[in-house]
Amino acid sequence: MTKDEYDKLVGQKHDQIRELEHQIDQLTKQYCEENSSLKIGDKIRFDNKQGIITSIRLSILGYSFEYVWKPLKKDGSLGCEKLIRYYQVQNIEKI
């Protein structure tokens, strides 16, 4: 096997890995959207602030959800995204 052949085969394997990672990401996203008690776009109250859920993901432990949300500013616009970790989820109040 030449270096060029090796590089080509390794490149193909890397492409396959990237495709599998993309498929896993899509399955995880679908699982989160279908099984989470909160949905993207839900209005919530957390840490004495109102905001909106912008994304859902699995925690690093893999068996509970974490939420990304944007709190509402005083002028009604959305603030910066913040993470609600799996151990903080019980403090979320759906509005």
PDB file of N, CA and C in Angstrom:
ATOM      1  N   MET A   1       0.846  -1.170   0.000  1.00  0.00           N
ATOM      2  CA  MET A   1       0.000   0.000   0.000  1.00  0.00           C
ATOM      3  C   MET A   1       0.898   1.241   0.000  1.00  0.00           C
ATOM      4  N   THR A   2       0.557   2.179  -0.864  1.00  0.00           N
ATOM      5  CA  THR A   2       1.332   3.420  -0.935  1.00  0.00           C
ATOM      6  C   THR A   2       0.734   4.449   0.033  1.00  0.00           C
ATOM      7  N   LYS A   3       1.478   5.522   0.243  1.00  0.00           N
ATOM      8  CA  LYS A   3       0.996   6.587   1.123  1.00  0.00           C
ATOM      9  C   LYS A   3      -0.288   7.185   0.569  1.00  0.00           C
ATOM     10  N   ASP A   4      -0.363   7.371  -0.745  1.00  0.00           N
ATOM     11  CA  ASP A   4      -1.576   7.933  -1.360  1.00  0.00           C
ATOM     12  C   ASP A   4      -2.780   7.020  -1.152  1.00  0.00           C
ATOM     13  N   GLU A   5      -2.565   5.716  -1.308  1.00  0.00           N
ATOM     14  CA  GLU A   5      -3.654   4.757  -1.086  1.00  0.00           C
ATOM     15  C   GLU A   5      -4.102   4.795   0.375  1.00  0.00           C
ATOM     16  N   TYR A   6      -3.106   4.827   1.267  1.00  0.00           N
ATOM     17  CA  TYR A   6      -3.395   4.915   2.693  1.00  0.00           C
ATOM     18  C   TYR A   6      -4.199   6.174   3.003  1.00  0.00           C
ATOM     19  N   ASP A   7      -3.739   7.314   2.526  1.00  0.00           N
ATOM     20  CA  ASP A   7      -4.425   8.583   2.762  1.00  0.00           C
ATOM     21  C   ASP A   7      -5.856   8.550   2.238  1.00  0.00           C
ATOM     22  N   LYS A   8      -6.044   7.955   1.061  1.00  0.00           N
ATOM     23  CA  LYS A   8      -7.374   7.872   0.468  1.00  0.00           C
ATOM     24  C   LYS A   8      -8.298   7.006   1.335  1.00  0.00           C
ATOM     25  N   LEU A   9      -7.811   5.842   1.764  1.00  0.00           N
ATOM     26  CA  LEU A   9      -8.622   4.944   2.593  1.00  0.00           C
ATOM     27  C   LEU A   9      -8.939   5.558   3.956  1.00  0.00           C
ATOM     28  N   VAL A  10      -7.957   6.183   4.560  1.00  0.00           N
ATOM     29  CA  VAL A  10      -8.193   6.835   5.854  1.00  0.00           C
ATOM     30  C   VAL A  10      -9.182   7.985   5.695  1.00  0.00           C
ATOM     31  N   GLY A  11      -9.066   8.732   4.615  1.00  0.00           N
ATOM     32  CA  GLY A  11     -10.011   9.819   4.350  1.00  0.00           C
ATOM     33  C   GLY A  11     -11.433   9.307   4.191  1.00  0.00           C
ATOM     34  N   GLN A  12     -11.585   8.171   3.511  1.00  0.00           N
ATOM     35  CA  GLN A  12     -12.912   7.573   3.354  1.00  0.00           C
ATOM     36  C   GLN A  12     -13.482   7.155   4.706  1.00  0.00           C
ATOM     37  N   LYS A  13     -12.649   6.593   5.557  1.00  0.00           N
ATOM     38  CA  LYS A  13     -13.107   6.170   6.897  1.00  0.00           C
ATOM     39  C   LYS A  13     -13.501   7.380   7.735  1.00  0.00           C
ATOM     40  N   HIS A  14     -12.726   8.460   7.629  1.00  0.00           N
ATOM     41  CA  HIS A  14     -13.075   9.683   8.349  1.00  0.00           C
ATOM     42  C   HIS A  14     -14.421  10.222   7.865  1.00  0.00           C
ATOM     43  N   ASP A  15     -14.667  10.165   6.570  1.00  0.00           N
ATOM     44  CA  ASP A  15     -15.953  10.599   6.022  1.00  0.00           C
ATOM     45  C   ASP A  15     -17.092   9.746   6.564  1.00  0.00           C
ATOM     46  N   GLN A  16     -16.863   8.437   6.653  1.00  0.00           N
ATOM     47  CA  GLN A  16     -17.884   7.542   7.201  1.00  0.00           C
ATOM     48  C   GLN A  16     -18.153   7.851   8.667  1.00  0.00           C
ATOM     49  N   ILE A  17     -17.106   8.130   9.419  1.00  0.00           N
ATOM     50  CA  ILE A  17     -17.265   8.480  10.841  1.00  0.00           C
ATOM     51  C   ILE A  17     -18.067   9.764  10.982  1.00  0.00           C
ATOM     52  N   ARG A  18     -17.765  10.777  10.185  1.00  0.00           N
ATOM     53  CA  ARG A  18     -18.506  12.045  10.243  1.00  0.00           C
ATOM     54  C   ARG A  18     -19.983  11.827   9.917  1.00  0.00           C
ATOM     55  N   GLU A  19     -20.262  10.963   8.937  1.00  0.00           N
ATOM     56  CA  GLU A  19     -21.645  10.666   8.574  1.00  0.00           C
ATOM     57  C   GLU A  19     -22.357   9.954   9.720  1.00  0.00           C
ATOM     58  N   LEU A  20     -21.699   9.005  10.356  1.00  0.00           N
ATOM     59  CA  LEU A  20     -22.300   8.313  11.507  1.00  0.00           C
ATOM     60  C   LEU A  20     -22.544   9.272  12.666  1.00  0.00           C
ATOM     61  N   GLU A  21     -21.598  10.162  12.930  1.00  0.00           N
ATOM     62  CA  GLU A  21     -21.779  11.149  13.992  1.00  0.00           C
ATOM     63  C   GLU A  21     -22.966  12.047  13.692  1.00  0.00           C
ATOM     64  N   HIS A  22     -23.130  12.437  12.441  1.00  0.00           N
ATOM     65  CA  HIS A  22     -24.268  13.261  12.042  1.00  0.00           C
ATOM     66  C   HIS A  22     -25.576  12.502  12.264  1.00  0.00           C
ATOM     67  N   GLN A  23     -25.614  11.230  11.901  1.00  0.00           N
ATOM     68  CA  GLN A  23     -26.816  10.420  12.097  1.00  0.00           C
ATOM     69  C   GLN A  23     -27.138  10.267  13.585  1.00  0.00           C
ATOM     70  N   ILE A  24     -26.121  10.070  14.411  1.00  0.00           N
ATOM     71  CA  ILE A  24     -26.329   9.964  15.856  1.00  0.00           C
ATOM     72  C   ILE A  24     -26.869  11.279  16.405  1.00  0.00           C
ATOM     73  N   ASP A  25     -26.318  12.407  15.956  1.00  0.00           N
ATOM     74  CA  ASP A  25     -26.805  13.723  16.383  1.00  0.00           C
ATOM     75  C   ASP A  25     -28.275  13.905  16.029  1.00  0.00           C
ATOM     76  N   GLN A  26     -28.661  13.483  14.824  1.00  0.00           N
ATOM     77  CA  GLN A  26     -30.054  13.613  14.388  1.00  0.00           C
ATOM     78  C   GLN A  26     -30.974  12.735  15.236  1.00  0.00           C
ATOM     79  N   LEU A  27     -30.552  11.510  15.533  1.00  0.00           N
ATOM     80  CA  LEU A  27     -31.347  10.619  16.379  1.00  0.00           C
ATOM     81  C   LEU A  27     -31.484  11.175  17.798  1.00  0.00           C
ATOM     82  N   THR A  28     -30.408  11.727  18.327  1.00  0.00           N
ATOM     83  CA  THR A  28     -30.447  12.319  19.669  1.00  0.00           C
ATOM     84  C   THR A  28     -31.390  13.506  19.697  1.00  0.00           C
ATOM     85  N   LYS A  29     -31.311  14.360  18.689  1.00  0.00           N
ATOM     86  CA  LYS A  29     -32.198  15.518  18.603  1.00  0.00           C
ATOM     87  C   LYS A  29     -33.654  15.068  18.542  1.00  0.00           C
ATOM     88  N   GLN A  30     -33.945  14.079  17.725  1.00  0.00           N
ATOM     89  CA  GLN A  30     -35.306  13.560  17.595  1.00  0.00           C
ATOM     90  C   GLN A  30     -35.780  12.977  18.929  1.00  0.00           C
ATOM     91  N   TYR A  31     -34.926  12.206  19.592  1.00  0.00           N
ATOM     92  CA  TYR A  31     -35.277  11.617  20.887  1.00  0.00           C
ATOM     93  C   TYR A  31     -35.598  12.709  21.905  1.00  0.00           C
ATOM     94  N   CYS A  32     -34.764  13.729  21.962  1.00  0.00           N
ATOM     95  CA  CYS A  32     -34.981  14.828  22.912  1.00  0.00           C
ATOM     96  C   CYS A  32     -36.295  15.539  22.630  1.00  0.00           C
ATOM     97  N   GLU A  33     -36.564  15.841  21.373  1.00  0.00           N
ATOM     98  CA  GLU A  33     -37.778  16.556  21.013  1.00  0.00           C
ATOM     99  C   GLU A  33     -39.028  15.732  21.316  1.00  0.00           C
ATOM    100  N   GLU A  34     -38.959  14.419  21.139  1.00  0.00           N
ATOM    101  CA  GLU A  34     -40.126  13.572  21.344  1.00  0.00           C
ATOM    102  C   GLU A  34     -40.353  13.202  22.806  1.00  0.00           C
ATOM    103  N   ASN A  35     -39.319  13.161  23.625  1.00  0.00           N
ATOM    104  CA  ASN A  35     -39.447  12.621  24.975  1.00  0.00           C
ATOM    105  C   ASN A  35     -39.279  13.627  26.108  1.00  0.00           C
ATOM    106  N   SER A  36     -38.854  14.816  25.806  1.00  0.00           N
ATOM    107  CA  SER A  36     -38.689  15.832  26.839  1.00  0.00           C
ATOM    108  C   SER A  36     -40.042  16.396  27.255  1.00  0.00           C
ATOM    109  N   SER A  37     -40.182  16.687  28.540  1.00  0.00           N
ATOM    110  CA  SER A  37     -41.432  17.274  29.022  1.00  0.00           C
ATOM    111  C   SER A  37     -41.593  18.719  28.542  1.00  0.00           C
ATOM    112  N   LEU A  38     -40.494  19.402  28.289  1.00  0.00           N
ATOM    113  CA  LEU A  38     -40.526  20.749  27.731  1.00  0.00           C
ATOM    114  C   LEU A  38     -40.155  20.686  26.258  1.00  0.00           C
ATOM    115  N   LYS A  39     -40.698  21.596  25.480  1.00  0.00           N
ATOM    116  CA  LYS A  39     -40.436  21.626  24.042  1.00  0.00           C
ATOM    117  C   LYS A  39     -39.765  22.940  23.665  1.00  0.00           C
ATOM    118  N   ILE A  40     -39.095  22.940  22.532  1.00  0.00           N
ATOM    119  CA  ILE A  40     -38.474  24.167  22.027  1.00  0.00           C
ATOM    120  C   ILE A  40     -39.578  25.193  21.791  1.00  0.00           C
ATOM    121  N   GLY A  41     -39.370  26.394  22.301  1.00  0.00           N
ATOM    122  CA  GLY A  41     -40.361  27.458  22.176  1.00  0.00           C
ATOM    123  C   GLY A  41     -41.234  27.621  23.404  1.00  0.00           C
ATOM    124  N   ASP A  42     -41.182  26.664  24.340  1.00  0.00           N
ATOM    125  CA  ASP A  42     -41.972  26.788  25.575  1.00  0.00           C
ATOM    126  C   ASP A  42     -41.489  27.979  26.388  1.00  0.00           C
ATOM    127  N   LYS A  43     -42.452  28.680  26.975  1.00  0.00           N
ATOM    128  CA  LYS A  43     -42.120  29.787  27.874  1.00  0.00           C
ATOM    129  C   LYS A  43     -41.957  29.225  29.280  1.00  0.00           C
ATOM    130  N   ILE A  44     -40.886  29.653  29.939  1.00  0.00           N
ATOM    131  CA  ILE A  44     -40.579  29.136  31.273  1.00  0.00           C
ATOM    132  C   ILE A  44     -40.211  30.273  32.218  1.00  0.00           C
ATOM    133  N   ARG A  45     -40.196  29.916  33.503  1.00  0.00           N
ATOM    134  CA  ARG A  45     -39.634  30.787  34.520  1.00  0.00           C
ATOM    135  C   ARG A  45     -38.535  29.976  35.196  1.00  0.00           C
ATOM    136  N   PHE A  46     -37.343  30.560  35.260  1.00  0.00           N
ATOM    137  CA  PHE A  46     -36.200  29.911  35.886  1.00  0.00           C
ATOM    138  C   PHE A  46     -35.328  30.987  36.508  1.00  0.00           C
ATOM    139  N   ASP A  47     -34.912  30.750  37.716  1.00  0.00           N
ATOM    140  CA  ASP A  47     -34.031  31.694  38.414  1.00  0.00           C
ATOM    141  C   ASP A  47     -34.681  33.080  38.488  1.00  0.00           C
ATOM    142  N   ASN A  48     -36.001  33.084  38.754  1.00  0.00           N
ATOM    143  CA  ASN A  48     -36.799  34.319  38.863  1.00  0.00           C
ATOM    144  C   ASN A  48     -36.818  35.145  37.580  1.00  0.00           C
ATOM    145  N   LYS A  49     -36.599  34.498  36.456  1.00  0.00           N
ATOM    146  CA  LYS A  49     -36.646  35.179  35.166  1.00  0.00           C
ATOM    147  C   LYS A  49     -37.522  34.377  34.217  1.00  0.00           C
ATOM    148  N   GLN A  50     -38.191  35.086  33.318  1.00  0.00           N
ATOM    149  CA  GLN A  50     -38.959  34.423  32.279  1.00  0.00           C
ATOM    150  C   GLN A  50     -38.088  34.297  31.041  1.00  0.00           C
ATOM    151  N   GLY A  51     -38.358  33.245  30.265  1.00  0.00           N
ATOM    152  CA  GLY A  51     -37.599  33.051  29.052  1.00  0.00           C
ATOM    153  C   GLY A  51     -38.209  31.986  28.173  1.00  0.00           C
ATOM    154  N   ILE A  52     -37.469  31.590  27.155  1.00  0.00           N
ATOM    155  CA  ILE A  52     -37.950  30.634  26.161  1.00  0.00           C
ATOM    156  C   ILE A  52     -36.892  29.556  25.953  1.00  0.00           C
ATOM    157  N   ILE A  53     -37.349  28.294  25.886  1.00  0.00           N
ATOM    158  CA  ILE A  53     -36.459  27.164  25.595  1.00  0.00           C
ATOM    159  C   ILE A  53     -36.037  27.260  24.124  1.00  0.00           C
ATOM    160  N   THR A  54     -34.718  27.215  23.872  1.00  0.00           N
ATOM    161  CA  THR A  54     -34.229  27.298  22.497  1.00  0.00           C
ATOM    162  C   THR A  54     -33.665  25.989  21.974  1.00  0.00           C
ATOM    163  N   SER A  55     -33.237  25.091  22.876  1.00  0.00           N
ATOM    164  CA  SER A  55     -32.796  23.763  22.437  1.00  0.00           C
ATOM    165  C   SER A  55     -32.798  22.803  23.621  1.00  0.00           C
ATOM    166  N   ILE A  56     -32.788  21.530  23.281  1.00  0.00           N
ATOM    167  CA  ILE A  56     -32.818  20.461  24.278  1.00  0.00           C
ATOM    168  C   ILE A  56     -31.684  19.503  23.929  1.00  0.00           C
ATOM    169  N   ARG A  57     -31.028  18.995  24.959  1.00  0.00           N
ATOM    170  CA  ARG A  57     -29.964  18.022  24.715  1.00  0.00           C
ATOM    171  C   ARG A  57     -29.926  17.027  25.860  1.00  0.00           C
ATOM    172  N   LEU A  58     -29.247  15.921  25.637  1.00  0.00           N
ATOM    173  CA  LEU A  58     -29.042  14.941  26.693  1.00  0.00           C
ATOM    174  C   LEU A  58     -27.890  15.388  27.573  1.00  0.00           C
ATOM    175  N   SER A  59     -28.019  15.121  28.863  1.00  0.00           N
ATOM    176  CA  SER A  59     -26.917  15.448  29.768  1.00  0.00           C
ATOM    177  C   SER A  59     -25.749  14.520  29.496  1.00  0.00           C
ATOM    178  N   ILE A  60     -24.623  14.860  30.031  1.00  0.00           N
ATOM    179  CA  ILE A  60     -23.428  14.045  29.826  1.00  0.00           C
ATOM    180  C   ILE A  60     -23.626  12.649  30.382  1.00  0.00           C
ATOM    181  N   LEU A  61     -24.514  12.523  31.366  1.00  0.00           N
ATOM    182  CA  LEU A  61     -24.808  11.210  31.936  1.00  0.00           C
ATOM    183  C   LEU A  61     -25.661  10.382  30.991  1.00  0.00           C
ATOM    184  N   GLY A  62     -26.358  11.050  30.065  1.00  0.00           N
ATOM    185  CA  GLY A  62     -27.079  10.354  29.015  1.00  0.00           C
ATOM    186  C   GLY A  62     -28.476   9.904  29.339  1.00  0.00           C
ATOM    187  N   TYR A  63     -28.979  10.188  30.522  1.00  0.00           N
ATOM    188  CA  TYR A  63     -30.323   9.724  30.847  1.00  0.00           C
ATOM    189  C   TYR A  63     -31.269  10.835  31.286  1.00  0.00           C
ATOM    190  N   SER A  64     -30.832  12.058  31.254  1.00  0.00           N
ATOM    191  CA  SER A  64     -31.715  13.170  31.587  1.00  0.00           C
ATOM    192  C   SER A  64     -31.459  14.325  30.608  1.00  0.00           C
ATOM    193  N   PHE A  65     -32.390  15.254  30.592  1.00  0.00           N
ATOM    194  CA  PHE A  65     -32.327  16.345  29.633  1.00  0.00           C
ATOM    195  C   PHE A  65     -31.723  17.596  30.260  1.00  0.00           C
ATOM    196  N   GLU A  66     -31.102  18.385  29.417  1.00  0.00           N
ATOM    197  CA  GLU A  66     -30.650  19.726  29.765  1.00  0.00           C
ATOM    198  C   GLU A  66     -31.260  20.666  28.737  1.00  0.00           C
ATOM    199  N   TYR A  67     -31.494  21.894  29.156  1.00  0.00           N
ATOM    200  CA  TYR A  67     -32.172  22.854  28.289  1.00  0.00           C
ATOM    201  C   TYR A  67     -31.328  24.106  28.108  1.00  0.00           C
ATOM    202  N   VAL A  68     -31.352  24.621  26.905  1.00  0.00           N
ATOM    203  CA  VAL A  68     -30.764  25.929  26.632  1.00  0.00           C
ATOM    204  C   VAL A  68     -31.936  26.886  26.504  1.00  0.00           C
ATOM    205  N   TRP A  69     -31.825  28.028  27.162  1.00  0.00           N
ATOM    206  CA  TRP A  69     -32.919  28.988  27.127  1.00  0.00           C
ATOM    207  C   TRP A  69     -32.379  30.398  27.004  1.00  0.00           C
ATOM    208  N   LYS A  70     -33.262  31.296  26.585  1.00  0.00           N
ATOM    209  CA  LYS A  70     -32.923  32.711  26.503  1.00  0.00           C
ATOM    210  C   LYS A  70     -33.883  33.462  27.416  1.00  0.00           C
ATOM    211  N   PRO A  71     -33.349  34.126  28.433  1.00  0.00           N
ATOM    212  CA  PRO A  71     -34.220  34.923  29.297  1.00  0.00           C
ATOM    213  C   PRO A  71     -34.702  36.176  28.565  1.00  0.00           C
ATOM    214  N   LEU A  72     -35.864  36.641  28.964  1.00  0.00           N
ATOM    215  CA  LEU A  72     -36.400  37.881  28.396  1.00  0.00           C
ATOM    216  C   LEU A  72     -35.791  39.076  29.125  1.00  0.00           C
ATOM    217  N   LYS A  73     -35.352  40.060  28.369  1.00  0.00           N
ATOM    218  CA  LYS A  73     -34.844  41.298  28.951  1.00  0.00           C
ATOM    219  C   LYS A  73     -36.029  42.176  29.363  1.00  0.00           C
ATOM    220  N   LYS A  74     -35.747  43.243  30.072  1.00  0.00           N
ATOM    221  CA  LYS A  74     -36.802  44.153  30.524  1.00  0.00           C
ATOM    222  C   LYS A  74     -37.556  44.777  29.361  1.00  0.00           C
ATOM    223  N   ASP A  75     -36.866  44.962  28.227  1.00  0.00           N
ATOM    224  CA  ASP A  75     -37.531  45.564  27.059  1.00  0.00           C
ATOM    225  C   ASP A  75     -38.288  44.525  26.229  1.00  0.00           C
ATOM    226  N   GLY A  76     -38.294  43.259  26.673  1.00  0.00           N
ATOM    227  CA  GLY A  76     -39.035  42.210  25.977  1.00  0.00           C
ATOM    228  C   GLY A  76     -38.227  41.426  24.957  1.00  0.00           C
ATOM    229  N   SER A  77     -37.013  41.866  24.669  1.00  0.00           N
ATOM    230  CA  SER A  77     -36.175  41.125  23.726  1.00  0.00           C
ATOM    231  C   SER A  77     -35.510  39.950  24.440  1.00  0.00           C
ATOM    232  N   LEU A  78     -34.971  39.044  23.655  1.00  0.00           N
ATOM    233  CA  LEU A  78     -34.320  37.868  24.228  1.00  0.00           C
ATOM    234  C   LEU A  78     -32.867  38.157  24.566  1.00  0.00           C
ATOM    235  N   GLY A  79     -32.416  37.636  25.698  1.00  0.00           N
ATOM    236  CA  GLY A  79     -31.036  37.791  26.119  1.00  0.00           C
ATOM    237  C   GLY A  79     -30.154  36.691  25.555  1.00  0.00           C
ATOM    238  N   CYS A  80     -29.003  36.530  26.160  1.00  0.00           N
ATOM    239  CA  CYS A  80     -28.029  35.515  25.738  1.00  0.00           C
ATOM    240  C   CYS A  80     -28.468  34.122  26.192  1.00  0.00           C
ATOM    241  N   GLU A  81     -28.116  33.119  25.385  1.00  0.00           N
ATOM    242  CA  GLU A  81     -28.454  31.745  25.740  1.00  0.00           C
ATOM    243  C   GLU A  81     -27.734  31.314  27.019  1.00  0.00           C
ATOM    244  N   LYS A  82     -28.480  30.565  27.834  1.00  0.00           N
ATOM    245  CA  LYS A  82     -27.936  30.022  29.071  1.00  0.00           C
ATOM    246  C   LYS A  82     -28.340  28.562  29.174  1.00  0.00           C
ATOM    247  N   LEU A  83     -27.524  27.794  29.854  1.00  0.00           N
ATOM    248  CA  LEU A  83     -27.765  26.362  29.999  1.00  0.00           C
ATOM    249  C   LEU A  83     -28.417  26.068  31.341  1.00  0.00           C
ATOM    250  N   ILE A  84     -29.450  25.243  31.312  1.00  0.00           N
ATOM    251  CA  ILE A  84     -30.042  24.711  32.534  1.00  0.00           C
ATOM    252  C   ILE A  84     -29.586  23.258  32.616  1.00  0.00           C
ATOM    253  N   ARG A  85     -28.734  22.962  33.555  1.00  0.00           N
ATOM    254  CA  ARG A  85     -28.168  21.627  33.685  1.00  0.00           C
ATOM    255  C   ARG A  85     -29.189  20.652  34.283  1.00  0.00           C
ATOM    256  N   TYR A  86     -28.910  19.363  34.096  1.00  0.00           N
ATOM    257  CA  TYR A  86     -29.845  18.315  34.513  1.00  0.00           C
ATOM    258  C   TYR A  86     -30.208  18.414  35.990  1.00  0.00           C
ATOM    259  N   TYR A  87     -29.302  18.863  36.843  1.00  0.00           N
ATOM    260  CA  TYR A  87     -29.585  18.948  38.274  1.00  0.00           C
ATOM    261  C   TYR A  87     -30.359  20.217  38.643  1.00  0.00           C
ATOM    262  N   GLN A  88     -30.605  21.100  37.669  1.00  0.00           N
ATOM    263  CA  GLN A  88     -31.375  22.313  37.903  1.00  0.00           C
ATOM    264  C   GLN A  88     -32.786  22.228  37.321  1.00  0.00           C
ATOM    265  N   VAL A  89     -33.064  21.171  36.580  1.00  0.00           N
ATOM    266  CA  VAL A  89     -34.313  21.060  35.829  1.00  0.00           C
ATOM    267  C   VAL A  89     -35.527  21.153  36.735  1.00  0.00           C
ATOM    268  N   GLN A  90     -35.446  20.622  37.955  1.00  0.00           N
ATOM    269  CA  GLN A  90     -36.595  20.655  38.866  1.00  0.00           C
ATOM    270  C   GLN A  90     -36.990  22.081  39.244  1.00  0.00           C
ATOM    271  N   ASN A  91     -36.123  23.060  38.983  1.00  0.00           N
ATOM    272  CA  ASN A  91     -36.416  24.460  39.307  1.00  0.00           C
ATOM    273  C   ASN A  91     -37.102  25.209  38.165  1.00  0.00           C
ATOM    274  N   ILE A  92     -37.372  24.523  37.058  1.00  0.00           N
ATOM    275  CA  ILE A  92     -38.039  25.146  35.912  1.00  0.00           C
ATOM    276  C   ILE A  92     -39.539  25.139  36.151  1.00  0.00           C
ATOM    277  N   GLU A  93     -40.165  26.267  35.887  1.00  0.00           N
ATOM    278  CA  GLU A  93     -41.623  26.371  35.955  1.00  0.00           C
ATOM    279  C   GLU A  93     -42.120  26.737  34.555  1.00  0.00           C
ATOM    280  N   LYS A  94     -42.988  25.898  33.998  1.00  0.00           N
ATOM    281  CA  LYS A  94     -43.538  26.185  32.677  1.00  0.00           C
ATOM    282  C   LYS A  94     -44.644  27.222  32.830  1.00  0.00           C
ATOM    283  N   ILE A  95     -44.624  28.227  31.960  1.00  0.00           N
ATOM    284  CA  ILE A  95     -45.623  29.302  32.008  1.00  0.00           C
ATOM    285  C   ILE A  95     -46.721  28.999  31.027  1.00  0.00           C
TER     286      ILE A  95
END
